[in-house]
């Protein structure tokens, strides 16, 4: 997943627990924010994953309706080891 904290930074994240919608990312991405934007890889009409960053940011509304965008809420972090745990509002069916 791609995690964006507007005005602070962006980076990757990993789904840790599907049942409880928990993911991990870097603490420097979350910084002091309590919520971040989370994007999951979305396929184009041919089933190929879309890799252009601008597409995700510009298509957030559509991606949200399709389940490829959600909010992530910081539940814990440790800046010394640069790790943050976030709870996701939703997951796409394809998330593993």
PDB file of N, CA and C in Angstrom:
ATOM      1  N   UNK A   1       0.835  -1.176   0.000  1.00  0.00           N
ATOM      2  CA  UNK A   1       0.000   0.000   0.000  1.00  0.00           C
ATOM      3  C   UNK A   1       0.875   1.232   0.000  1.00  0.00           C
ATOM      4  N   UNK A   2       0.304   2.319  -0.506  1.00  0.00           N
ATOM      5  CA  UNK A   2       0.998   3.603  -0.570  1.00  0.00           C
ATOM      6  C   UNK A   2       0.331   4.514   0.443  1.00  0.00           C
ATOM      7  N   UNK A   3       1.150   5.076   1.331  1.00  0.00           N
ATOM      8  CA  UNK A   3       0.629   5.929   2.398  1.00  0.00           C
ATOM      9  C   UNK A   3       1.095   7.358   2.163  1.00  0.00           C
ATOM     10  N   UNK A   4       0.133   8.292   2.198  1.00  0.00           N
ATOM     11  CA  UNK A   4       0.430   9.694   1.940  1.00  0.00           C
ATOM     12  C   UNK A   4      -0.026  10.529   3.126  1.00  0.00           C
ATOM     13  N   UNK A   5       0.864  11.356   3.597  1.00  0.00           N
ATOM     14  CA  UNK A   5       0.555  12.320   4.649  1.00  0.00           C
ATOM     15  C   UNK A   5       0.821  13.690   4.032  1.00  0.00           C
ATOM     16  N   UNK A   6      -0.224  14.333   3.483  1.00  0.00           N
ATOM     17  CA  UNK A   6      -0.035  15.592   2.750  1.00  0.00           C
ATOM     18  C   UNK A   6       0.794  16.614   3.524  1.00  0.00           C
ATOM     19  N   UNK A   7       1.770  17.167   2.835  1.00  0.00           N
ATOM     20  CA  UNK A   7       2.634  18.174   3.438  1.00  0.00           C
ATOM     21  C   UNK A   7       3.747  17.611   4.297  1.00  0.00           C
ATOM     22  N   UNK A   8       3.744  16.288   4.522  1.00  0.00           N
ATOM     23  CA  UNK A   8       4.768  15.675   5.374  1.00  0.00           C
ATOM     24  C   UNK A   8       5.609  14.681   4.588  1.00  0.00           C
ATOM     25  N   UNK A   9       4.955  13.708   3.968  1.00  0.00           N
ATOM     26  CA  UNK A   9       5.704  12.699   3.239  1.00  0.00           C
ATOM     27  C   UNK A   9       4.817  11.575   2.757  1.00  0.00           C
ATOM     28  N   UNK A  10       5.466  10.606   2.151  1.00  0.00           N
ATOM     29  CA  UNK A  10       4.761   9.443   1.632  1.00  0.00           C
ATOM     30  C   UNK A  10       5.693   8.248   1.666  1.00  0.00           C
ATOM     31  N   UNK A  11       5.107   7.063   1.644  1.00  0.00           N
ATOM     32  CA  UNK A  11       5.909   5.853   1.658  1.00  0.00           C
ATOM     33  C   UNK A  11       5.044   4.626   1.595  1.00  0.00           C
ATOM     34  N   UNK A  12       5.660   3.511   1.820  1.00  0.00           N
ATOM     35  CA  UNK A  12       4.937   2.244   1.724  1.00  0.00           C
ATOM     36  C   UNK A  12       4.426   1.799   3.089  1.00  0.00           C
ATOM     37  N   UNK A  13       3.545   0.819   3.029  1.00  0.00           N
ATOM     38  CA  UNK A  13       3.021   0.193   4.233  1.00  0.00           C
ATOM     39  C   UNK A  13       2.709  -1.251   3.925  1.00  0.00           C
ATOM     40  N   UNK A  14       2.522  -2.034   4.962  1.00  0.00           N
ATOM     41  CA  UNK A  14       2.248  -3.461   4.812  1.00  0.00           C
ATOM     42  C   UNK A  14       1.032  -3.812   5.657  1.00  0.00           C
ATOM     43  N   UNK A  15       0.097  -4.536   5.051  1.00  0.00           N
ATOM     44  CA  UNK A  15      -1.067  -5.025   5.784  1.00  0.00           C
ATOM     45  C   UNK A  15      -0.583  -6.105   6.746  1.00  0.00           C
ATOM     46  N   UNK A  16      -0.825  -5.893   8.018  1.00  0.00           N
ATOM     47  CA  UNK A  16      -0.352  -6.802   9.059  1.00  0.00           C
ATOM     48  C   UNK A  16      -1.450  -7.770   9.487  1.00  0.00           C
ATOM     49  N   UNK A  17      -2.669  -7.288   9.608  1.00  0.00           N
ATOM     50  CA  UNK A  17      -3.786  -8.118  10.055  1.00  0.00           C
ATOM     51  C   UNK A  17      -5.044  -7.714   9.299  1.00  0.00           C
ATOM     52  N   UNK A  18      -5.502  -8.575   8.398  1.00  0.00           N
ATOM     53  CA  UNK A  18      -6.674  -8.276   7.568  1.00  0.00           C
ATOM     54  C   UNK A  18      -7.943  -8.193   8.409  1.00  0.00           C
ATOM     55  N   UNK A  19      -8.115  -9.115   9.327  1.00  0.00           N
ATOM     56  CA  UNK A  19      -9.334  -9.157  10.138  1.00  0.00           C
ATOM     57  C   UNK A  19      -9.552  -7.856  10.911  1.00  0.00           C
ATOM     58  N   UNK A  20      -8.491  -7.356  11.513  1.00  0.00           N
ATOM     59  CA  UNK A  20      -8.603  -6.141  12.334  1.00  0.00           C
ATOM     60  C   UNK A  20      -8.174  -4.880  11.569  1.00  0.00           C
ATOM     61  N   UNK A  21      -7.868  -5.023  10.268  1.00  0.00           N
ATOM     62  CA  UNK A  21      -7.492  -3.905   9.397  1.00  0.00           C
ATOM     63  C   UNK A  21      -6.331  -3.098   9.984  1.00  0.00           C
ATOM     64  N   UNK A  22      -5.260  -3.791  10.305  1.00  0.00           N
ATOM     65  CA  UNK A  22      -4.075  -3.162  10.895  1.00  0.00           C
ATOM     66  C   UNK A  22      -2.916  -3.234   9.904  1.00  0.00           C
ATOM     67  N   UNK A  23      -2.212  -2.117   9.754  1.00  0.00           N
ATOM     68  CA  UNK A  23      -1.055  -2.051   8.873  1.00  0.00           C
ATOM     69  C   UNK A  23       0.105  -1.398   9.610  1.00  0.00           C
ATOM     70  N   UNK A  24       1.296  -1.595   9.087  1.00  0.00           N
ATOM     71  CA  UNK A  24       2.480  -0.942   9.649  1.00  0.00           C
ATOM     72  C   UNK A  24       3.130  -0.091   8.561  1.00  0.00           C
ATOM     73  N   UNK A  25       3.744   0.987   8.993  1.00  0.00           N
ATOM     74  CA  UNK A  25       4.460   1.888   8.103  1.00  0.00           C
ATOM     75  C   UNK A  25       5.564   2.558   8.911  1.00  0.00           C
ATOM     76  N   UNK A  26       6.172   3.552   8.331  1.00  0.00           N
ATOM     77  CA  UNK A  26       7.241   4.285   9.011  1.00  0.00           C
ATOM     78  C   UNK A  26       6.676   5.449   9.824  1.00  0.00           C
ATOM     79  N   UNK A  27       7.240   5.658  10.996  1.00  0.00           N
ATOM     80  CA  UNK A  27       6.788   6.753  11.858  1.00  0.00           C
ATOM     81  C   UNK A  27       7.073   8.119  11.234  1.00  0.00           C
ATOM     82  N   UNK A  28       8.145   8.212  10.444  1.00  0.00           N
ATOM     83  CA  UNK A  28       8.440   9.525   9.840  1.00  0.00           C
ATOM     84  C   UNK A  28       7.388   9.917   8.803  1.00  0.00           C
ATOM     85  N   UNK A  29       6.645   8.963   8.280  1.00  0.00           N
ATOM     86  CA  UNK A  29       5.558   9.285   7.339  1.00  0.00           C
ATOM     87  C   UNK A  29       4.353   9.838   8.103  1.00  0.00           C
ATOM     88  N   UNK A  30       4.021   9.221   9.223  1.00  0.00           N
ATOM     89  CA  UNK A  30       2.871   9.691   9.994  1.00  0.00           C
ATOM     90  C   UNK A  30       3.183  10.984  10.731  1.00  0.00           C
ATOM     91  N   UNK A  31       4.448  11.157  11.130  1.00  0.00           N
ATOM     92  CA  UNK A  31       4.900  12.352  11.833  1.00  0.00           C
ATOM     93  C   UNK A  31       3.983  12.609  13.037  1.00  0.00           C
ATOM     94  N   UNK A  32       3.412  13.791  13.151  1.00  0.00           N
ATOM     95  CA  UNK A  32       2.530  14.092  14.285  1.00  0.00           C
ATOM     96  C   UNK A  32       1.050  13.922  13.934  1.00  0.00           C
ATOM     97  N   UNK A  33       0.770  13.513  12.705  1.00  0.00           N
ATOM     98  CA  UNK A  33      -0.624  13.359  12.251  1.00  0.00           C
ATOM     99  C   UNK A  33      -1.285  12.153  12.899  1.00  0.00           C
ATOM    100  N   UNK A  34      -2.575  12.261  13.095  1.00  0.00           N
ATOM    101  CA  UNK A  34      -3.355  11.149  13.631  1.00  0.00           C
ATOM    102  C   UNK A  34      -4.011  10.323  12.529  1.00  0.00           C
ATOM    103  N   UNK A  35      -4.037  10.860  11.291  1.00  0.00           N
ATOM    104  CA  UNK A  35      -4.647  10.145  10.164  1.00  0.00           C
ATOM    105  C   UNK A  35      -3.811  10.367   8.912  1.00  0.00           C
ATOM    106  N   UNK A  36      -3.797   9.355   8.044  1.00  0.00           N
ATOM    107  CA  UNK A  36      -3.072   9.418   6.777  1.00  0.00           C
ATOM    108  C   UNK A  36      -3.962   8.859   5.670  1.00  0.00           C
ATOM    109  N   UNK A  37      -3.619   9.160   4.432  1.00  0.00           N
ATOM    110  CA  UNK A  37      -4.328   8.617   3.275  1.00  0.00           C
ATOM    111  C   UNK A  37      -3.645   7.315   2.862  1.00  0.00           C
ATOM    112  N   UNK A  38      -4.448   6.288   2.584  1.00  0.00           N
ATOM    113  CA  UNK A  38      -3.902   4.981   2.217  1.00  0.00           C
ATOM    114  C   UNK A  38      -4.501   4.551   0.879  1.00  0.00           C
ATOM    115  N   UNK A  39      -3.623   4.221  -0.057  1.00  0.00           N
ATOM    116  CA  UNK A  39      -4.020   3.768  -1.389  1.00  0.00           C
ATOM    117  C   UNK A  39      -3.540   2.336  -1.603  1.00  0.00           C
ATOM    118  N   UNK A  40      -4.424   1.508  -2.135  1.00  0.00           N
ATOM    119  CA  UNK A  40      -4.075   0.134  -2.495  1.00  0.00           C
ATOM    120  C   UNK A  40      -3.902   0.062  -4.006  1.00  0.00           C
ATOM    121  N   UNK A  41      -3.056  -0.830  -4.503  1.00  0.00           N
ATOM    122  CA  UNK A  41      -2.877  -0.946  -5.954  1.00  0.00           C
ATOM    123  C   UNK A  41      -4.204  -1.229  -6.651  1.00  0.00           C
ATOM    124  N   UNK A  42      -4.487  -0.450  -7.684  1.00  0.00           N
ATOM    125  CA  UNK A  42      -5.735  -0.596  -8.439  1.00  0.00           C
ATOM    126  C   UNK A  42      -5.417  -1.050  -9.860  1.00  0.00           C
ATOM    127  N   UNK A  43      -6.226  -1.942 -10.402  1.00  0.00           N
ATOM    128  CA  UNK A  43      -5.995  -2.402 -11.782  1.00  0.00           C
ATOM    129  C   UNK A  43      -6.647  -1.478 -12.809  1.00  0.00           C
ATOM    130  N   UNK A  44      -6.052  -1.426 -13.996  1.00  0.00           N
ATOM    131  CA  UNK A  44      -6.694  -0.701 -15.091  1.00  0.00           C
ATOM    132  C   UNK A  44      -7.706  -1.625 -15.767  1.00  0.00           C
ATOM    133  N   UNK A  45      -8.285  -1.185 -16.878  1.00  0.00           N
ATOM    134  CA  UNK A  45      -9.322  -1.974 -17.537  1.00  0.00           C
ATOM    135  C   UNK A  45      -8.814  -3.307 -18.087  1.00  0.00           C
ATOM    136  N   UNK A  46      -7.477  -3.450 -18.204  1.00  0.00           N
ATOM    137  CA  UNK A  46      -6.883  -4.702 -18.690  1.00  0.00           C
ATOM    138  C   UNK A  46      -6.374  -5.590 -17.552  1.00  0.00           C
ATOM    139  N   UNK A  47      -6.592  -5.147 -16.317  1.00  0.00           N
ATOM    140  CA  UNK A  47      -6.156  -5.924 -15.166  1.00  0.00           C
ATOM    141  C   UNK A  47      -4.731  -5.645 -14.718  1.00  0.00           C
ATOM    142  N   UNK A  48      -4.039  -4.747 -15.400  1.00  0.00           N
ATOM    143  CA  UNK A  48      -2.672  -4.381 -15.039  1.00  0.00           C
ATOM    144  C   UNK A  48      -2.703  -3.311 -13.946  1.00  0.00           C
ATOM    145  N   UNK A  49      -1.828  -3.442 -12.949  1.00  0.00           N
ATOM    146  CA  UNK A  49      -1.817  -2.463 -11.860  1.00  0.00           C
ATOM    147  C   UNK A  49      -1.352  -1.101 -12.346  1.00  0.00           C
ATOM    148  N   UNK A  50      -2.063  -0.084 -11.911  1.00  0.00           N
ATOM    149  CA  UNK A  50      -1.743   1.298 -12.265  1.00  0.00           C
ATOM    150  C   UNK A  50      -0.614   1.764 -11.351  1.00  0.00           C
ATOM    151  N   UNK A  51       0.436   2.331 -11.951  1.00  0.00           N
ATOM    152  CA  UNK A  51       1.606   2.732 -11.170  1.00  0.00           C
ATOM    153  C   UNK A  51       1.830   4.238 -11.104  1.00  0.00           C
ATOM    154  N   UNK A  52       1.037   5.025 -11.828  1.00  0.00           N
ATOM    155  CA  UNK A  52       1.223   6.476 -11.841  1.00  0.00           C
ATOM    156  C   UNK A  52       0.653   7.102 -10.560  1.00  0.00           C
ATOM    157  N   UNK A  53       1.477   7.754  -9.798  1.00  0.00           N
ATOM    158  CA  UNK A  53       1.057   8.377  -8.538  1.00  0.00           C
ATOM    159  C   UNK A  53      -0.047   9.404  -8.744  1.00  0.00           C
ATOM    160  N   UNK A  54       0.085  10.203  -9.791  1.00  0.00           N
ATOM    161  CA  UNK A  54      -0.918  11.245 -10.037  1.00  0.00           C
ATOM    162  C   UNK A  54      -2.311  10.657 -10.198  1.00  0.00           C
ATOM    163  N   UNK A  55      -2.415   9.486 -10.824  1.00  0.00           N
ATOM    164  CA  UNK A  55      -3.715   8.853 -10.997  1.00  0.00           C
ATOM    165  C   UNK A  55      -4.387   8.637  -9.647  1.00  0.00           C
ATOM    166  N   UNK A  56      -3.632   8.142  -8.667  1.00  0.00           N
ATOM    167  CA  UNK A  56      -4.207   7.832  -7.358  1.00  0.00           C
ATOM    168  C   UNK A  56      -4.690   9.096  -6.649  1.00  0.00           C
ATOM    169  N   UNK A  57      -3.870  10.120  -6.640  1.00  0.00           N
ATOM    170  CA  UNK A  57      -4.242  11.359  -5.949  1.00  0.00           C
ATOM    171  C   UNK A  57      -5.430  12.035  -6.632  1.00  0.00           C
ATOM    172  N   UNK A  58      -5.424  12.073  -7.954  1.00  0.00           N
ATOM    173  CA  UNK A  58      -6.501  12.732  -8.688  1.00  0.00           C
ATOM    174  C   UNK A  58      -7.793  11.918  -8.695  1.00  0.00           C
ATOM    175  N   UNK A  59      -7.709  10.620  -8.456  1.00  0.00           N
ATOM    176  CA  UNK A  59      -8.880   9.736  -8.538  1.00  0.00           C
ATOM    177  C   UNK A  59      -9.338   9.233  -7.181  1.00  0.00           C
ATOM    178  N   UNK A  60      -9.001   9.938  -6.122  1.00  0.00           N
ATOM    179  CA  UNK A  60      -9.296   9.473  -4.766  1.00  0.00           C
ATOM    180  C   UNK A  60     -10.772   9.149  -4.551  1.00  0.00           C
ATOM    181  N   UNK A  61     -11.680   9.985  -5.059  1.00  0.00           N
ATOM    182  CA  UNK A  61     -13.109   9.737  -4.877  1.00  0.00           C
ATOM    183  C   UNK A  61     -13.555   8.433  -5.504  1.00  0.00           C
ATOM    184  N   UNK A  62     -13.136   8.203  -6.736  1.00  0.00           N
ATOM    185  CA  UNK A  62     -13.482   6.955  -7.429  1.00  0.00           C
ATOM    186  C   UNK A  62     -12.836   5.767  -6.717  1.00  0.00           C
ATOM    187  N   UNK A  63     -11.579   5.919  -6.347  1.00  0.00           N
ATOM    188  CA  UNK A  63     -10.874   4.834  -5.662  1.00  0.00           C
ATOM    189  C   UNK A  63     -11.525   4.505  -4.320  1.00  0.00           C
ATOM    190  N   UNK A  64     -12.041   5.514  -3.647  1.00  0.00           N
ATOM    191  CA  UNK A  64     -12.730   5.272  -2.377  1.00  0.00           C
ATOM    192  C   UNK A  64     -13.991   4.440  -2.606  1.00  0.00           C
ATOM    193  N   UNK A  65     -14.770   4.806  -3.624  1.00  0.00           N
ATOM    194  CA  UNK A  65     -15.985   4.039  -3.928  1.00  0.00           C
ATOM    195  C   UNK A  65     -15.669   2.594  -4.315  1.00  0.00           C
ATOM    196  N   UNK A  66     -14.526   2.389  -4.970  1.00  0.00           N
ATOM    197  CA  UNK A  66     -14.127   1.047  -5.399  1.00  0.00           C
ATOM    198  C   UNK A  66     -13.367   0.277  -4.313  1.00  0.00           C
ATOM    199  N   UNK A  67     -13.024   0.967  -3.214  1.00  0.00           N
ATOM    200  CA  UNK A  67     -12.340   0.303  -2.104  1.00  0.00           C
ATOM    201  C   UNK A  67     -10.826   0.352  -2.140  1.00  0.00           C
ATOM    202  N   UNK A  68     -10.242   1.111  -3.059  1.00  0.00           N
ATOM    203  CA  UNK A  68      -8.785   1.184  -3.173  1.00  0.00           C
ATOM    204  C   UNK A  68      -8.182   2.377  -2.436  1.00  0.00           C
ATOM    205  N   UNK A  69      -9.017   3.171  -1.794  1.00  0.00           N
ATOM    206  CA  UNK A  69      -8.551   4.293  -0.965  1.00  0.00           C
ATOM    207  C   UNK A  69      -9.295   4.238   0.368  1.00  0.00           C
ATOM    208  N   UNK A  70      -8.559   4.522   1.428  1.00  0.00           N
ATOM    209  CA  UNK A  70      -9.173   4.598   2.745  1.00  0.00           C
ATOM    210  C   UNK A  70      -8.332   5.509   3.628  1.00  0.00           C
ATOM    211  N   UNK A  71      -8.860   5.840   4.761  1.00  0.00           N
ATOM    212  CA  UNK A  71      -8.102   6.575   5.772  1.00  0.00           C
ATOM    213  C   UNK A  71      -7.434   5.572   6.708  1.00  0.00           C
ATOM    214  N   UNK A  72      -6.257   5.934   7.186  1.00  0.00           N
ATOM    215  CA  UNK A  72      -5.557   5.152   8.193  1.00  0.00           C
ATOM    216  C   UNK A  72      -5.373   6.007   9.431  1.00  0.00           C
ATOM    217  N   UNK A  73      -5.641   5.442  10.592  1.00  0.00           N
ATOM    218  CA  UNK A  73      -5.548   6.175  11.854  1.00  0.00           C
ATOM    219  C   UNK A  73      -4.401   5.616  12.689  1.00  0.00           C
ATOM    220  N   UNK A  74      -3.507   6.500  13.093  1.00  0.00           N
ATOM    221  CA  UNK A  74      -2.336   6.087  13.861  1.00  0.00           C
ATOM    222  C   UNK A  74      -2.779   5.635  15.253  1.00  0.00           C
ATOM    223  N   UNK A  75      -2.458   4.392  15.604  1.00  0.00           N
ATOM    224  CA  UNK A  75      -2.819   3.883  16.929  1.00  0.00           C
ATOM    225  C   UNK A  75      -1.604   3.740  17.835  1.00  0.00           C
ATOM    226  N   UNK A  76      -0.417   3.633  17.241  1.00  0.00           N
ATOM    227  CA  UNK A  76       0.814   3.549  18.032  1.00  0.00           C
ATOM    228  C   UNK A  76       1.994   3.856  17.126  1.00  0.00           C
ATOM    229  N   UNK A  77       3.049   4.386  17.722  1.00  0.00           N
ATOM    230  CA  UNK A  77       4.274   4.598  16.943  1.00  0.00           C
ATOM    231  C   UNK A  77       5.480   4.699  17.866  1.00  0.00           C
ATOM    232  N   UNK A  78       6.624   4.395  17.283  1.00  0.00           N
ATOM    233  CA  UNK A  78       7.889   4.495  17.991  1.00  0.00           C
ATOM    234  C   UNK A  78       8.859   5.192  17.045  1.00  0.00           C
ATOM    235  N   UNK A  79       9.181   6.449  17.336  1.00  0.00           N
ATOM    236  CA  UNK A  79      10.045   7.214  16.439  1.00  0.00           C
ATOM    237  C   UNK A  79      11.485   6.714  16.481  1.00  0.00           C
ATOM    238  N   UNK A  80      11.901   6.111  17.580  1.00  0.00           N
ATOM    239  CA  UNK A  80      13.275   5.610  17.675  1.00  0.00           C
ATOM    240  C   UNK A  80      13.551   4.489  16.686  1.00  0.00           C
ATOM    241  N   UNK A  81      12.568   3.630  16.448  1.00  0.00           N
ATOM    242  CA  UNK A  81      12.745   2.549  15.470  1.00  0.00           C
ATOM    243  C   UNK A  81      11.987   2.843  14.167  1.00  0.00           C
ATOM    244  N   UNK A  82      11.401   4.042  14.083  1.00  0.00           N
ATOM    245  CA  UNK A  82      10.708   4.519  12.882  1.00  0.00           C
ATOM    246  C   UNK A  82       9.596   3.573  12.437  1.00  0.00           C
ATOM    247  N   UNK A  83       8.718   3.226  13.365  1.00  0.00           N
ATOM    248  CA  UNK A  83       7.622   2.309  13.092  1.00  0.00           C
ATOM    249  C   UNK A  83       6.303   2.908  13.581  1.00  0.00           C
ATOM    250  N   UNK A  84       5.269   2.783  12.754  1.00  0.00           N
ATOM    251  CA  UNK A  84       3.935   3.244  13.151  1.00  0.00           C
ATOM    252  C   UNK A  84       2.925   2.156  12.811  1.00  0.00           C
ATOM    253  N   UNK A  85       1.936   2.002  13.671  1.00  0.00           N
ATOM    254  CA  UNK A  85       0.842   1.062  13.450  1.00  0.00           C
ATOM    255  C   UNK A  85      -0.402   1.885  13.174  1.00  0.00           C
ATOM    256  N   UNK A  86      -1.083   1.533  12.078  1.00  0.00           N
ATOM    257  CA  UNK A  86      -2.284   2.270  11.716  1.00  0.00           C
ATOM    258  C   UNK A  86      -3.466   1.309  11.560  1.00  0.00           C
ATOM    259  N   UNK A  87      -4.652   1.808  11.926  1.00  0.00           N
ATOM    260  CA  UNK A  87      -5.901   1.067  11.735  1.00  0.00           C
ATOM    261  C   UNK A  87      -6.586   1.652  10.521  1.00  0.00           C
ATOM    262  N   UNK A  88      -6.976   0.781   9.599  1.00  0.00           N
ATOM    263  CA  UNK A  88      -7.575   1.206   8.344  1.00  0.00           C
ATOM    264  C   UNK A  88      -9.091   1.217   8.441  1.00  0.00           C
ATOM    265  N   UNK A  89      -9.711   2.221   7.839  1.00  0.00           N
ATOM    266  CA  UNK A  89     -11.178   2.270   7.804  1.00  0.00           C
ATOM    267  C   UNK A  89     -11.754   1.191   6.907  1.00  0.00           C
ATOM    268  N   UNK A  90     -11.026   0.776   5.891  1.00  0.00           N
ATOM    269  CA  UNK A  90     -11.531  -0.233   4.963  1.00  0.00           C
ATOM    270  C   UNK A  90     -10.409  -0.930   4.241  1.00  0.00           C
ATOM    271  N   UNK A  91     -10.769  -1.979   3.503  1.00  0.00           N
ATOM    272  CA  UNK A  91      -9.821  -2.757   2.703  1.00  0.00           C
ATOM    273  C   UNK A  91     -10.493  -3.181   1.406  1.00  0.00           C
ATOM    274  N   UNK A  92      -9.723  -3.220   0.316  1.00  0.00           N
ATOM    275  CA  UNK A  92     -10.298  -3.790  -0.895  1.00  0.00           C
ATOM    276  C   UNK A  92     -10.325  -5.313  -0.785  1.00  0.00           C
ATOM    277  N   UNK A  93     -11.175  -5.940  -1.560  1.00  0.00           N
ATOM    278  CA  UNK A  93     -11.267  -7.415  -1.555  1.00  0.00           C
ATOM    279  C   UNK A  93      -9.930  -8.053  -1.886  1.00  0.00           C
ATOM    280  N   UNK A  94      -9.119  -7.364  -2.677  1.00  0.00           N
ATOM    281  CA  UNK A  94      -7.852  -7.934  -3.140  1.00  0.00           C
ATOM    282  C   UNK A  94      -6.723  -7.829  -2.114  1.00  0.00           C
ATOM    283  N   UNK A  95      -6.938  -7.131  -1.017  1.00  0.00           N
ATOM    284  CA  UNK A  95      -5.875  -6.952  -0.022  1.00  0.00           C
ATOM    285  C   UNK A  95      -5.538  -8.276   0.649  1.00  0.00           C
ATOM    286  N   UNK A  96      -4.262  -8.568   0.680  1.00  0.00           N
ATOM    287  CA  UNK A  96      -3.772  -9.801   1.309  1.00  0.00           C
ATOM    288  C   UNK A  96      -2.625  -9.502   2.234  1.00  0.00           C
TER     289      UNK A  96
END
